[in-house]
Every structure is written in structure tokens, then in C-alpha cells.
PDB file of N, CA and C in Angstrom:
ATOM      1  N   MET A   1      28.991  -8.679  11.242  1.00  0.00           N
ATOM      2  CA  MET A   1      30.568  -9.367  11.874  1.00  0.00           C
ATOM      3  C   MET A   1      31.281 -10.298  10.377  1.00  0.00           C
ATOM      4  N   GLU A   2      32.562  -9.714  10.613  1.00  0.00           N
ATOM      5  CA  GLU A   2      33.533 -10.645   9.442  1.00  0.00           C
ATOM      6  C   GLU A   2      33.521 -11.845   9.799  1.00  0.00           C
ATOM      7  N   GLY A   3      34.048 -12.494   8.914  1.00  0.00           N
ATOM      8  CA  GLY A   3      34.542 -14.007   9.751  1.00  0.00           C
ATOM      9  C   GLY A   3      35.454 -13.686  10.090  1.00  0.00           C
ATOM     10  N   GLY A   4      36.318 -14.738  10.888  1.00  0.00           N
ATOM     11  CA  GLY A   4      37.756 -14.647  11.498  1.00  0.00           C
ATOM     12  C   GLY A   4      38.045 -16.273  12.096  1.00  0.00           C
ATOM     13  N   ALA A   5      39.565 -15.982  12.335  1.00  0.00           N
ATOM     14  CA  ALA A   5      39.526 -17.217  13.602  1.00  0.00           C
ATOM     15  C   ALA A   5      38.640 -17.652  14.781  1.00  0.00           C
ATOM     16  N   TYR A   6      38.524 -18.307  14.320  1.00  0.00           N
ATOM     17  CA  TYR A   6      37.834 -19.205  15.868  1.00  0.00           C
ATOM     18  C   TYR A   6      36.606 -18.464  16.512  1.00  0.00           C
ATOM     19  N   GLY A   7      35.525 -17.773  15.394  1.00  0.00           N
ATOM     20  CA  GLY A   7      34.455 -17.077  15.587  1.00  0.00           C
ATOM     21  C   GLY A   7      34.451 -15.826  15.998  1.00  0.00           C
ATOM     22  N   ALA A   8      35.942 -14.991  15.860  1.00  0.00           N
ATOM     23  CA  ALA A   8      35.671 -13.541  16.208  1.00  0.00           C
ATOM     24  C   ALA A   8      36.457 -12.869  14.924  1.00  0.00           C
ATOM     25  N   GLY A   9      35.687 -11.707  14.799  1.00  0.00           N
ATOM     26  CA  GLY A   9      35.736 -10.688  13.528  1.00  0.00           C
ATOM     27  C   GLY A   9      37.427 -10.461  13.600  1.00  0.00           C
ATOM     28  N   LYS A  10      38.316  -9.615  12.748  1.00  0.00           N
ATOM     29  CA  LYS A  10      39.637  -9.217  12.423  1.00  0.00           C
ATOM     30  C   LYS A  10      40.450  -9.019  13.699  1.00  0.00           C
ATOM     31  N   ALA A  11      41.256  -9.698  14.178  1.00  0.00           N
ATOM     32  CA  ALA A  11      41.904  -9.302  15.157  1.00  0.00           C
ATOM     33  C   ALA A  11      42.160  -7.366  15.065  1.00  0.00           C
ATOM     34  N   GLY A  12      42.411  -6.816  16.351  1.00  0.00           N
ATOM     35  CA  GLY A  12      42.684  -5.666  16.313  1.00  0.00           C
ATOM     36  C   GLY A  12      41.511  -4.482  16.282  1.00  0.00           C
ATOM     37  N   GLY A  13      39.972  -4.877  15.920  1.00  0.00           N
ATOM     38  CA  GLY A  13      38.900  -4.094  15.939  1.00  0.00           C
ATOM     39  C   GLY A  13      38.758  -3.287  17.279  1.00  0.00           C
ATOM     40  N   ALA A  14      38.023  -2.503  16.875  1.00  0.00           N
ATOM     41  CA  ALA A  14      37.498  -1.569  18.127  1.00  0.00           C
ATOM     42  C   ALA A  14      36.771  -2.822  19.065  1.00  0.00           C
ATOM     43  N   PHE A  15      36.751  -2.008  20.388  1.00  0.00           N
ATOM     44  CA  PHE A  15      35.722  -2.839  21.255  1.00  0.00           C
ATOM     45  C   PHE A  15      34.214  -2.396  21.202  1.00  0.00           C
ATOM     46  N   ASP A  16      33.267  -3.284  21.071  1.00  0.00           N
ATOM     47  CA  ASP A  16      31.923  -3.076  21.192  1.00  0.00           C
ATOM     48  C   ASP A  16      31.164  -3.338  21.958  1.00  0.00           C
ATOM     49  N   PRO A  17      31.374  -3.168  23.322  1.00  0.00           N
ATOM     50  CA  PRO A  17      30.268  -3.964  24.450  1.00  0.00           C
ATOM     51  C   PRO A  17      28.789  -4.231  23.989  1.00  0.00           C
ATOM     52  N   HIS A  18      27.976  -3.466  22.606  1.00  0.00           N
ATOM     53  CA  HIS A  18      27.026  -3.945  22.199  1.00  0.00           C
ATOM     54  C   HIS A  18      27.078  -4.959  22.105  1.00  0.00           C
ATOM     55  N   THR A  19      27.782  -5.558  21.012  1.00  0.00           N
ATOM     56  CA  THR A  19      28.069  -6.756  20.346  1.00  0.00           C
ATOM     57  C   THR A  19      28.333  -7.733  21.079  1.00  0.00           C
ATOM     58  N   LEU A  20      28.957  -7.536  22.241  1.00  0.00           N
ATOM     59  CA  LEU A  20      29.785  -8.777  23.285  1.00  0.00           C
ATOM     60  C   LEU A  20      28.655  -8.720  24.222  1.00  0.00           C
ATOM     61  N   VAL A  21      27.471  -7.754  24.878  1.00  0.00           N
ATOM     62  CA  VAL A  21      26.336  -8.070  25.227  1.00  0.00           C
ATOM     63  C   VAL A  21      25.567  -8.973  24.756  1.00  0.00           C
ATOM     64  N   ARG A  22      25.271  -9.034  23.590  1.00  0.00           N
ATOM     65  CA  ARG A  22      24.142  -9.912  22.551  1.00  0.00           C
ATOM     66  C   ARG A  22      25.164 -11.128  22.526  1.00  0.00           C
ATOM     67  N   GLN A  23      25.744 -11.044  22.192  1.00  0.00           N
ATOM     68  CA  GLN A  23      26.323 -12.846  22.185  1.00  0.00           C
ATOM     69  C   GLN A  23      26.025 -13.892  23.296  1.00  0.00           C
ATOM     70  N   PRO A  24      25.435 -15.240  22.636  1.00  0.00           N
ATOM     71  CA  PRO A  24      24.944 -16.087  23.286  1.00  0.00           C
ATOM     72  C   PRO A  24      26.322 -16.238  24.567  1.00  0.00           C
ATOM     73  N   HIS A  25      26.641 -16.630  24.525  1.00  0.00           N
ATOM     74  CA  HIS A  25      27.820 -17.301  25.224  1.00  0.00           C
ATOM     75  C   HIS A  25      28.249 -16.689  26.290  1.00  0.00           C
ATOM     76  N   THR A  26      28.219 -15.200  25.771  1.00  0.00           N
ATOM     77  CA  THR A  26      28.339 -14.095  27.034  1.00  0.00           C
ATOM     78  C   THR A  26      27.136 -13.886  28.527  1.00  0.00           C
ATOM     79  N   ILE A  27      26.097 -14.465  27.622  1.00  0.00           N
ATOM     80  CA  ILE A  27      24.441 -13.722  28.469  1.00  0.00           C
ATOM     81  C   ILE A  27      24.348 -15.518  29.406  1.00  0.00           C
ATOM     82  N   LEU A  28      24.947 -16.862  28.633  1.00  0.00           N
ATOM     83  CA  LEU A  28      24.934 -17.769  29.548  1.00  0.00           C
ATOM     84  C   LEU A  28      26.267 -17.837  30.454  1.00  0.00           C
ATOM     85  N   ARG A  29      27.430 -16.998  30.292  1.00  0.00           N
ATOM     86  CA  ARG A  29      28.328 -17.217  31.569  1.00  0.00           C
ATOM     87  C   ARG A  29      28.191 -16.040  32.669  1.00  0.00           C
ATOM     88  N   VAL A  30      27.122 -15.128  31.535  1.00  0.00           N
ATOM     89  CA  VAL A  30      26.239 -13.442  33.132  1.00  0.00           C
ATOM     90  C   VAL A  30      25.548 -14.749  33.905  1.00  0.00           C
ATOM     91  N   VAL A  31      24.982 -15.900  32.987  1.00  0.00           N
ATOM     92  CA  VAL A  31      23.884 -16.086  33.862  1.00  0.00           C
ATOM     93  C   VAL A  31      24.485 -17.084  35.101  1.00  0.00           C
ATOM     94  N   SER A  32      25.519 -18.046  34.470  1.00  0.00           N
ATOM     95  CA  SER A  32      26.187 -19.313  35.131  1.00  0.00           C
ATOM     96  C   SER A  32      26.939 -17.970  36.512  1.00  0.00           C
ATOM     97  N   TRP A  33      27.548 -17.054  36.326  1.00  0.00           N
ATOM     98  CA  TRP A  33      28.273 -16.443  37.111  1.00  0.00           C
ATOM     99  C   TRP A  33      27.106 -16.342  38.241  1.00  0.00           C
ATOM    100  N   VAL A  34      25.602 -15.733  37.960  1.00  0.00           N
ATOM    101  CA  VAL A  34      24.903 -15.306  38.955  1.00  0.00           C
ATOM    102  C   VAL A  34      24.554 -16.442  40.135  1.00  0.00           C
ATOM    103  N   PHE A  35      24.658 -17.542  38.781  1.00  0.00           N
ATOM    104  CA  PHE A  35      23.968 -18.871  39.997  1.00  0.00           C
ATOM    105  C   PHE A  35      25.273 -19.604  40.777  1.00  0.00           C
ATOM    106  N   SER A  36      26.384 -18.901  40.318  1.00  0.00           N
ATOM    107  CA  SER A  36      27.552 -19.558  41.397  1.00  0.00           C
ATOM    108  C   SER A  36      27.386 -18.615  42.633  1.00  0.00           C
ATOM    109  N   ILE A  37      27.199 -17.462  42.448  1.00  0.00           N
ATOM    110  CA  ILE A  37      27.160 -17.061  43.419  1.00  0.00           C
ATOM    111  C   ILE A  37      25.895 -17.362  44.611  1.00  0.00           C
ATOM    112  N   VAL A  38      24.658 -17.630  43.723  1.00  0.00           N
ATOM    113  CA  VAL A  38      23.649 -18.196  44.599  1.00  0.00           C
ATOM    114  C   VAL A  38      24.228 -19.947  45.051  1.00  0.00           C
ATOM    115  N   VAL A  39      24.804 -20.402  44.266  1.00  0.00           N
ATOM    116  CA  VAL A  39      25.226 -21.609  45.048  1.00  0.00           C
ATOM    117  C   VAL A  39      25.832 -21.477  46.499  1.00  0.00           C
ATOM    118  N   PHE A  40      27.109 -20.702  46.357  1.00  0.00           N
ATOM    119  CA  PHE A  40      28.294 -20.695  47.328  1.00  0.00           C
ATOM    120  C   PHE A  40      27.255 -19.669  48.701  1.00  0.00           C
ATOM    121  N   GLY A  41      26.699 -18.616  48.130  1.00  0.00           N
ATOM    122  CA  GLY A  41      25.970 -17.768  48.752  1.00  0.00           C
ATOM    123  C   GLY A  41      25.059 -18.451  50.075  1.00  0.00           C
ATOM    124  N   SER A  42      24.029 -19.275  49.333  1.00  0.00           N
ATOM    125  CA  SER A  42      22.896 -19.762  50.019  1.00  0.00           C
ATOM    126  C   SER A  42      23.805 -21.005  50.985  1.00  0.00           C
ATOM    127  N   ILE A  43      25.223 -21.697  50.850  1.00  0.00           N
ATOM    128  CA  ILE A  43      25.576 -22.503  51.267  1.00  0.00           C
ATOM    129  C   ILE A  43      26.140 -21.990  52.392  1.00  0.00           C
ATOM    130  N   VAL A  44      26.803 -21.161  52.718  1.00  0.00           N
ATOM    131  CA  VAL A  44      27.753 -20.368  53.852  1.00  0.00           C
ATOM    132  C   VAL A  44      26.550 -19.923  54.246  1.00  0.00           C
ATOM    133  N   ASN A  45      25.351 -19.197  54.102  1.00  0.00           N
ATOM    134  CA  ASN A  45      24.936 -18.274  55.118  1.00  0.00           C
ATOM    135  C   ASN A  45      23.986 -19.515  55.791  1.00  0.00           C
ATOM    136  N   GLU A  46      23.410 -20.105  54.744  1.00  0.00           N
ATOM    137  CA  GLU A  46      22.578 -21.326  55.617  1.00  0.00           C
ATOM    138  C   GLU A  46      22.590 -22.701  55.570  1.00  0.00           C
ATOM    139  N   GLY A  47      23.933 -23.002  55.302  1.00  0.00           N
ATOM    140  CA  GLY A  47      24.148 -24.685  54.916  1.00  0.00           C
ATOM    141  C   GLY A  47      24.809 -25.128  56.285  1.00  0.00           C
ATOM    142  N   TYR A  48      24.802 -23.998  57.610  1.00  0.00           N
ATOM    143  CA  TYR A  48      26.014 -24.817  58.564  1.00  0.00           C
ATOM    144  C   TYR A  48      24.418 -24.193  59.738  1.00  0.00           C
ATOM    145  N   LEU A  49      24.340 -25.143  60.708  1.00  0.00           N
ATOM    146  CA  LEU A  49      23.632 -24.689  61.561  1.00  0.00           C
ATOM    147  C   LEU A  49      24.257 -24.887  62.930  1.00  0.00           C
ATOM    148  N   ASN A  50      23.504 -24.252  64.307  1.00  0.00           N
ATOM    149  CA  ASN A  50      24.402 -24.348  65.417  1.00  0.00           C
ATOM    150  C   ASN A  50      23.236 -24.449  66.611  1.00  0.00           C
ATOM    151  N   THR A  51      22.872 -25.575  66.697  1.00  0.00           N
ATOM    152  CA  THR A  51      21.682 -25.734  67.857  1.00  0.00           C
ATOM    153  C   THR A  51      22.184 -25.661  69.191  1.00  0.00           C
ATOM    154  N   PRO A  52      21.200 -25.377  69.937  1.00  0.00           N
ATOM    155  CA  PRO A  52      21.657 -24.686  71.218  1.00  0.00           C
ATOM    156  C   PRO A  52      22.523 -25.913  72.173  1.00  0.00           C
ATOM    157  N   SER A  53      21.617 -27.343  71.589  1.00  0.00           N
ATOM    158  CA  SER A  53      22.218 -28.681  72.372  1.00  0.00           C
ATOM    159  C   SER A  53      23.644 -28.834  72.140  1.00  0.00           C
ATOM    160  N   GLU A  54      24.053 -28.596  71.169  1.00  0.00           N
ATOM    161  CA  GLU A  54      25.644 -29.044  70.697  1.00  0.00           C
ATOM    162  C   GLU A  54      26.355 -27.797  70.374  1.00  0.00           C
ATOM    163  N   GLY A  55      27.391 -27.617  70.867  1.00  0.00           N
ATOM    164  CA  GLY A  55      28.146 -26.763  70.893  1.00  0.00           C
ATOM    165  C   GLY A  55      29.080 -26.317  69.651  1.00  0.00           C
ATOM    166  N   GLU A  56      28.860 -26.876  68.402  1.00  0.00           N
ATOM    167  CA  GLU A  56      29.699 -26.706  67.259  1.00  0.00           C
ATOM    168  C   GLU A  56      28.409 -26.921  66.104  1.00  0.00           C
ATOM    169  N   GLU A  57      28.824 -26.403  65.296  1.00  0.00           N
ATOM    170  CA  GLU A  57      27.789 -25.984  63.576  1.00  0.00           C
ATOM    171  C   GLU A  57      28.137 -27.458  63.044  1.00  0.00           C
ATOM    172  N   PHE A  58      26.840 -27.880  62.720  1.00  0.00           N
ATOM    173  CA  PHE A  58      27.021 -28.987  61.553  1.00  0.00           C
ATOM    174  C   PHE A  58      26.385 -28.805  60.046  1.00  0.00           C
ATOM    175  N   CYS A  59      27.033 -29.132  59.182  1.00  0.00           N
ATOM    176  CA  CYS A  59      26.452 -29.052  58.085  1.00  0.00           C
ATOM    177  C   CYS A  59      24.835 -29.630  57.462  1.00  0.00           C
ATOM    178  N   ILE A  60      24.045 -29.106  57.314  1.00  0.00           N
ATOM    179  CA  ILE A  60      22.351 -29.779  57.263  1.00  0.00           C
ATOM    180  C   ILE A  60      22.463 -30.435  56.137  1.00  0.00           C
ATOM    181  N   TYR A  61      23.186 -31.011  55.591  1.00  0.00           N
ATOM    182  CA  TYR A  61      23.643 -31.952  53.966  1.00  0.00           C
ATOM    183  C   TYR A  61      23.924 -33.146  54.757  1.00  0.00           C
ATOM    184  N   ASN A  62      23.047 -33.922  55.907  1.00  0.00           N
ATOM    185  CA  ASN A  62      23.400 -34.843  56.314  1.00  0.00           C
ATOM    186  C   ASN A  62      24.452 -34.865  57.464  1.00  0.00           C
ATOM    187  N   ARG A  63      24.305 -33.901  58.005  1.00  0.00           N
ATOM    188  CA  ARG A  63      25.467 -33.819  59.014  1.00  0.00           C
ATOM    189  C   ARG A  63      27.141 -34.102  58.628  1.00  0.00           C
ATOM    190  N   ASN A  64      26.832 -33.890  57.506  1.00  0.00           N
ATOM    191  CA  ASN A  64      28.943 -33.982  56.680  1.00  0.00           C
ATOM    192  C   ASN A  64      29.405 -32.377  56.050  1.00  0.00           C
ATOM    193  N   PRO A  65      30.300 -32.383  57.176  1.00  0.00           N
ATOM    194  CA  PRO A  65      31.303 -31.288  56.552  1.00  0.00           C
ATOM    195  C   PRO A  65      31.739 -31.146  55.190  1.00  0.00           C
ATOM    196  N   ASN A  66      31.544 -32.350  54.137  1.00  0.00           N
ATOM    197  CA  ASN A  66      32.509 -32.346  53.733  1.00  0.00           C
ATOM    198  C   ASN A  66      31.276 -31.595  52.344  1.00  0.00           C
ATOM    199  N   ALA A  67      30.053 -31.778  52.552  1.00  0.00           N
ATOM    200  CA  ALA A  67      29.057 -32.213  51.709  1.00  0.00           C
ATOM    201  C   ALA A  67      28.715 -30.451  51.772  1.00  0.00           C
ATOM    202  N   CYS A  68      29.318 -29.687  52.985  1.00  0.00           N
ATOM    203  CA  CYS A  68      28.963 -28.309  52.409  1.00  0.00           C
ATOM    204  C   CYS A  68      30.282 -27.452  51.778  1.00  0.00           C
ATOM    205  N   SER A  69      31.388 -28.247  52.450  1.00  0.00           N
ATOM    206  CA  SER A  69      32.709 -27.563  51.769  1.00  0.00           C
ATOM    207  C   SER A  69      32.724 -28.207  49.960  1.00  0.00           C
ATOM    208  N   TYR A  70      31.713 -29.231  49.784  1.00  0.00           N
ATOM    209  CA  TYR A  70      32.522 -29.464  48.651  1.00  0.00           C
ATOM    210  C   TYR A  70      31.034 -28.929  47.694  1.00  0.00           C
ATOM    211  N   GLY A  71      30.270 -28.103  48.283  1.00  0.00           N
ATOM    212  CA  GLY A  71      29.402 -26.963  47.582  1.00  0.00           C
ATOM    213  C   GLY A  71      30.131 -25.662  47.361  1.00  0.00           C
ATOM    214  N   VAL A  72      30.646 -25.437  48.577  1.00  0.00           N
ATOM    215  CA  VAL A  72      30.791 -24.334  48.573  1.00  0.00           C
ATOM    216  C   VAL A  72      31.908 -24.000  47.909  1.00  0.00           C
ATOM    217  N   THR A  73      32.843 -24.970  47.370  1.00  0.00           N
ATOM    218  CA  THR A  73      33.845 -25.111  46.459  1.00  0.00           C
ATOM    219  C   THR A  73      33.760 -24.911  45.223  1.00  0.00           C
ATOM    220  N   VAL A  74      32.707 -25.618  44.692  1.00  0.00           N
ATOM    221  CA  VAL A  74      32.181 -25.586  43.294  1.00  0.00           C
ATOM    222  C   VAL A  74      31.525 -24.417  43.076  1.00  0.00           C
ATOM    223  N   GLY A  75      31.172 -24.196  44.269  1.00  0.00           N
ATOM    224  CA  GLY A  75      30.179 -22.587  43.382  1.00  0.00           C
ATOM    225  C   GLY A  75      31.202 -21.162  43.932  1.00  0.00           C
ATOM    226  N   VAL A  76      32.349 -21.193  44.377  1.00  0.00           N
ATOM    227  CA  VAL A  76      33.615 -20.363  44.336  1.00  0.00           C
ATOM    228  C   VAL A  76      34.342 -20.305  43.131  1.00  0.00           C
ATOM    229  N   LEU A  77      34.765 -22.084  42.683  1.00  0.00           N
ATOM    230  CA  LEU A  77      35.438 -22.115  41.463  1.00  0.00           C
ATOM    231  C   LEU A  77      34.752 -21.749  39.909  1.00  0.00           C
ATOM    232  N   ALA A  78      33.573 -21.565  40.127  1.00  0.00           N
ATOM    233  CA  ALA A  78      32.705 -21.539  39.229  1.00  0.00           C
ATOM    234  C   ALA A  78      32.722 -20.577  38.956  1.00  0.00           C
ATOM    235  N   PHE A  79      32.558 -19.426  40.390  1.00  0.00           N
ATOM    236  CA  PHE A  79      32.403 -17.893  40.278  1.00  0.00           C
ATOM    237  C   PHE A  79      33.315 -17.116  39.816  1.00  0.00           C
ATOM    238  N   LEU A  80      34.750 -17.596  40.128  1.00  0.00           N
ATOM    239  CA  LEU A  80      35.756 -17.557  39.671  1.00  0.00           C
ATOM    240  C   LEU A  80      36.493 -17.662  38.080  1.00  0.00           C
ATOM    241  N   THR A  81      35.909 -18.989  37.553  1.00  0.00           N
ATOM    242  CA  THR A  81      35.965 -19.158  36.302  1.00  0.00           C
ATOM    243  C   THR A  81      35.234 -18.693  35.391  1.00  0.00           C
ATOM    244  N   CYS A  82      33.905 -18.017  35.467  1.00  0.00           N
ATOM    245  CA  CYS A  82      32.961 -17.608  34.727  1.00  0.00           C
ATOM    246  C   CYS A  82      33.482 -15.945  34.570  1.00  0.00           C
ATOM    247  N   LEU A  83      34.099 -15.735  36.085  1.00  0.00           N
ATOM    248  CA  LEU A  83      35.264 -14.127  35.687  1.00  0.00           C
ATOM    249  C   LEU A  83      35.692 -14.124  34.642  1.00  0.00           C
ATOM    250  N   LEU A  84      37.095 -15.238  35.152  1.00  0.00           N
ATOM    251  CA  LEU A  84      37.710 -15.348  34.305  1.00  0.00           C
ATOM    252  C   LEU A  84      37.722 -15.405  32.641  1.00  0.00           C
ATOM    253  N   TYR A  85      36.705 -16.158  32.169  1.00  0.00           N
ATOM    254  CA  TYR A  85      36.246 -15.961  30.558  1.00  0.00           C
ATOM    255  C   TYR A  85      35.328 -15.039  29.970  1.00  0.00           C
ATOM    256  N   LEU A  86      34.927 -14.204  31.097  1.00  0.00           N
ATOM    257  CA  LEU A  86      33.842 -13.063  30.690  1.00  0.00           C
ATOM    258  C   LEU A  86      35.452 -11.736  30.478  1.00  0.00           C
ATOM    259  N   ALA A  87      36.403 -12.035  31.367  1.00  0.00           N
ATOM    260  CA  ALA A  87      37.340 -11.097  30.811  1.00  0.00           C
ATOM    261  C   ALA A  87      37.756 -11.375  29.849  1.00  0.00           C
ATOM    262  N   LEU A  88      38.206 -13.263  29.148  1.00  0.00           N
ATOM    263  CA  LEU A  88      38.798 -13.227  28.153  1.00  0.00           C
ATOM    264  C   LEU A  88      37.680 -13.172  26.783  1.00  0.00           C
ATOM    265  N   ASP A  89      36.752 -13.043  27.525  1.00  0.00           N
ATOM    266  CA  ASP A  89      35.477 -12.534  26.187  1.00  0.00           C
ATOM    267  C   ASP A  89      35.990 -10.959  25.679  1.00  0.00           C
ATOM    268  N   VAL A  90      35.718 -10.390  26.692  1.00  0.00           N
ATOM    269  CA  VAL A  90      36.269  -8.596  26.453  1.00  0.00           C
ATOM    270  C   VAL A  90      37.704  -8.997  25.694  1.00  0.00           C
ATOM    271  N   TYR A  91      38.814  -9.494  25.916  1.00  0.00           N
ATOM    272  CA  TYR A  91      39.898  -9.244  25.511  1.00  0.00           C
ATOM    273  C   TYR A  91      39.845 -10.140  24.151  1.00  0.00           C
ATOM    274  N   PHE A  92      39.120 -11.169  23.546  1.00  0.00           N
ATOM    275  CA  PHE A  92      39.527 -12.076  22.648  1.00  0.00           C
ATOM    276  C   PHE A  92      39.503 -11.320  21.381  1.00  0.00           C
ATOM    277  N   PRO A  93      39.125 -10.185  20.896  1.00  0.00           N
ATOM    278  CA  PRO A  93      38.921  -9.592  20.053  1.00  0.00           C
ATOM    279  C   PRO A  93      40.219  -8.797  19.450  1.00  0.00           C
ATOM    280  N   GLN A  94      41.114  -9.076  20.328  1.00  0.00           N
ATOM    281  CA  GLN A  94      42.007  -8.375  20.281  1.00  0.00           C
ATOM    282  C   GLN A  94      43.164  -8.599  20.084  1.00  0.00           C
ATOM    283  N   ILE A  95      43.125 -10.226  20.451  1.00  0.00           N
ATOM    284  CA  ILE A  95      44.027 -11.004  20.534  1.00  0.00           C
ATOM    285  C   ILE A  95      44.323 -11.860  19.083  1.00  0.00           C
ATOM    286  N   SER A  96      45.956 -11.411  18.262  1.00  0.00           N
ATOM    287  CA  SER A  96      45.484 -11.132  16.638  1.00  0.00           C
ATOM    288  C   SER A  96      46.377 -12.489  16.597  1.00  0.00           C
ATOM    289  N   SER A  97      46.699 -13.247  17.267  1.00  0.00           N
ATOM    290  CA  SER A  97      47.544 -14.446  16.760  1.00  0.00           C
ATOM    291  C   SER A  97      46.444 -15.869  16.887  1.00  0.00           C
ATOM    292  N   VAL A  98      46.418 -16.396  15.708  1.00  0.00           N
ATOM    293  CA  VAL A  98      45.822 -17.818  15.872  1.00  0.00           C
ATOM    294  C   VAL A  98      45.802 -18.722  16.704  1.00  0.00           C
ATOM    295  N   LYS A  99      46.996 -19.029  17.026  1.00  0.00           N
ATOM    296  CA  LYS A  99      47.493 -19.744  17.520  1.00  0.00           C
ATOM    297  C   LYS A  99      46.987 -19.281  19.059  1.00  0.00           C
ATOM    298  N   ASP A 100      47.530 -18.037  19.708  1.00  0.00           N
ATOM    299  CA  ASP A 100      46.650 -17.367  21.412  1.00  0.00           C
ATOM    300  C   ASP A 100      44.841 -18.211  20.863  1.00  0.00           C
ATOM    301  N   ARG A 101      44.667 -17.684  19.843  1.00  0.00           N
ATOM    302  CA  ARG A 101      42.822 -17.406  20.091  1.00  0.00           C
ATOM    303  C   ARG A 101      42.477 -18.895  19.720  1.00  0.00           C
ATOM    304  N   LYS A 102      43.331 -19.988  19.562  1.00  0.00           N
ATOM    305  CA  LYS A 102      42.833 -21.139  19.075  1.00  0.00           C
ATOM    306  C   LYS A 102      43.122 -22.058  20.805  1.00  0.00           C
ATOM    307  N   LYS A 103      44.632 -21.560  21.655  1.00  0.00           N
ATOM    308  CA  LYS A 103      44.369 -22.120  23.143  1.00  0.00           C
ATOM    309  C   LYS A 103      43.652 -21.305  24.307  1.00  0.00           C
ATOM    310  N   ALA A 104      43.042 -20.163  23.460  1.00  0.00           N
ATOM    311  CA  ALA A 104      41.994 -19.180  23.864  1.00  0.00           C
ATOM    312  C   ALA A 104      40.344 -20.440  24.387  1.00  0.00           C
ATOM    313  N   VAL A 105      40.130 -20.800  23.023  1.00  0.00           N
ATOM    314  CA  VAL A 105      38.930 -21.517  22.598  1.00  0.00           C
ATOM    315  C   VAL A 105      38.609 -23.013  22.909  1.00  0.00           C
ATOM    316  N   LEU A 106      40.489 -23.318  22.886  1.00  0.00           N
ATOM    317  CA  LEU A 106      40.697 -24.961  23.400  1.00  0.00           C
ATOM    318  C   LEU A 106      40.554 -24.974  25.030  1.00  0.00           C
ATOM    319  N   SER A 107      41.060 -24.002  25.990  1.00  0.00           N
ATOM    320  CA  SER A 107      40.575 -23.590  27.015  1.00  0.00           C
ATOM    321  C   SER A 107      39.691 -23.437  28.228  1.00  0.00           C
ATOM    322  N   ASP A 108      38.670 -22.819  27.075  1.00  0.00           N
ATOM    323  CA  ASP A 108      37.364 -22.974  27.515  1.00  0.00           C
ATOM    324  C   ASP A 108      36.688 -24.061  27.187  1.00  0.00           C
ATOM    325  N   ILE A 109      36.696 -24.558  26.063  1.00  0.00           N
ATOM    326  CA  ILE A 109      36.133 -25.966  25.881  1.00  0.00           C
ATOM    327  C   ILE A 109      36.398 -27.067  27.290  1.00  0.00           C
ATOM    328  N   GLY A 110      37.846 -26.971  27.506  1.00  0.00           N
ATOM    329  CA  GLY A 110      38.645 -27.748  28.193  1.00  0.00           C
ATOM    330  C   GLY A 110      37.524 -27.561  29.970  1.00  0.00           C
ATOM    331  N   VAL A 111      37.648 -26.392  30.362  1.00  0.00           N
ATOM    332  CA  VAL A 111      37.227 -25.740  31.394  1.00  0.00           C
ATOM    333  C   VAL A 111      35.855 -26.277  31.607  1.00  0.00           C
ATOM    334  N   SER A 112      35.102 -26.145  30.338  1.00  0.00           N
ATOM    335  CA  SER A 112      33.587 -26.198  30.624  1.00  0.00           C
ATOM    336  C   SER A 112      33.486 -27.815  30.438  1.00  0.00           C
ATOM    337  N   ALA A 113      34.332 -28.911  29.530  1.00  0.00           N
ATOM    338  CA  ALA A 113      33.821 -30.239  29.469  1.00  0.00           C
ATOM    339  C   ALA A 113      34.083 -30.384  31.419  1.00  0.00           C
ATOM    340  N   TRP A 114      35.663 -30.295  32.010  1.00  0.00           N
ATOM    341  CA  TRP A 114      35.872 -30.775  33.437  1.00  0.00           C
ATOM    342  C   TRP A 114      34.881 -30.175  33.913  1.00  0.00           C
ATOM    343  N   GLU A 115      34.317 -28.833  34.152  1.00  0.00           N
ATOM    344  CA  GLU A 115      33.028 -28.687  35.240  1.00  0.00           C
ATOM    345  C   GLU A 115      31.946 -29.360  34.573  1.00  0.00           C
ATOM    346  N   THR A 116      31.482 -29.382  33.713  1.00  0.00           N
ATOM    347  CA  THR A 116      30.584 -30.529  33.404  1.00  0.00           C
ATOM    348  C   THR A 116      30.619 -32.070  34.359  1.00  0.00           C
ATOM    349  N   CYS A 117      31.460 -32.506  33.990  1.00  0.00           N
ATOM    350  CA  CYS A 117      32.171 -34.131  34.408  1.00  0.00           C
ATOM    351  C   CYS A 117      32.103 -34.307  35.867  1.00  0.00           C
ATOM    352  N   SER A 118      32.121 -32.994  36.902  1.00  0.00           N
ATOM    353  CA  SER A 118      32.607 -32.908  38.120  1.00  0.00           C
ATOM    354  C   SER A 118      31.316 -32.644  38.888  1.00  0.00           C
TER     355      SER A 118
END
């Protein structure tokens, strides 16, 4: 791949799925996407219990409904973020403006930093 602005080849190149799949950040996004499905899927399916003696469901995490809601929210946000940036990875080589590429890279870094801190 020829050098270009912000880690991509020259703009307007043909889409190459083989190159996209071999990039480490794409692989990590797919792995993160799968883990986000596991997080919110496991909490939604098995995070709430309903005992016969009690009439309502309760969260298995210290009977705190906010704990389950937080886990589901983080999982769903991670799922949507991974899909958004996977789509951006596909579209990124076609972005011709260096300013737009810079915005895309900086938004990726900013969202990654925000998710790491939360």
C-alpha cells in the first residue's frame, strides 16, 4: 500500500476486502463487536431472575437493577460503535479530503478514549 494521509492509501482507490480484513484494527473491531454481543446478550438473557416467592424480576448483581441496566447500555453502545467504525473502515479509502480523514481518525481516537475511561 502506498503512503497517504492518516494511514490510508491515496483516495479514490478501489475497495479491496482482502486488505480490509487483514488490517489489525479491523480484526480488533470485529472481536470487540463479538464481545459486545456477549456482554449485553448474557445480561439480557440471564441477568434477571424471577423467583416464585417474589412477584418481580431482580438483577443478579446484588439485586441492583442499575447494575444490569449499565451492563446492557455499555454492551449496546459498544455494539453500535463497532458497527459504525467498521463501516467507516470500509468507506475510509474513498474519503478524498485530508480534513475529513483527520476528523474520522480523531473521532475514532476520541471515542476509544471515552470508552476506555467509562
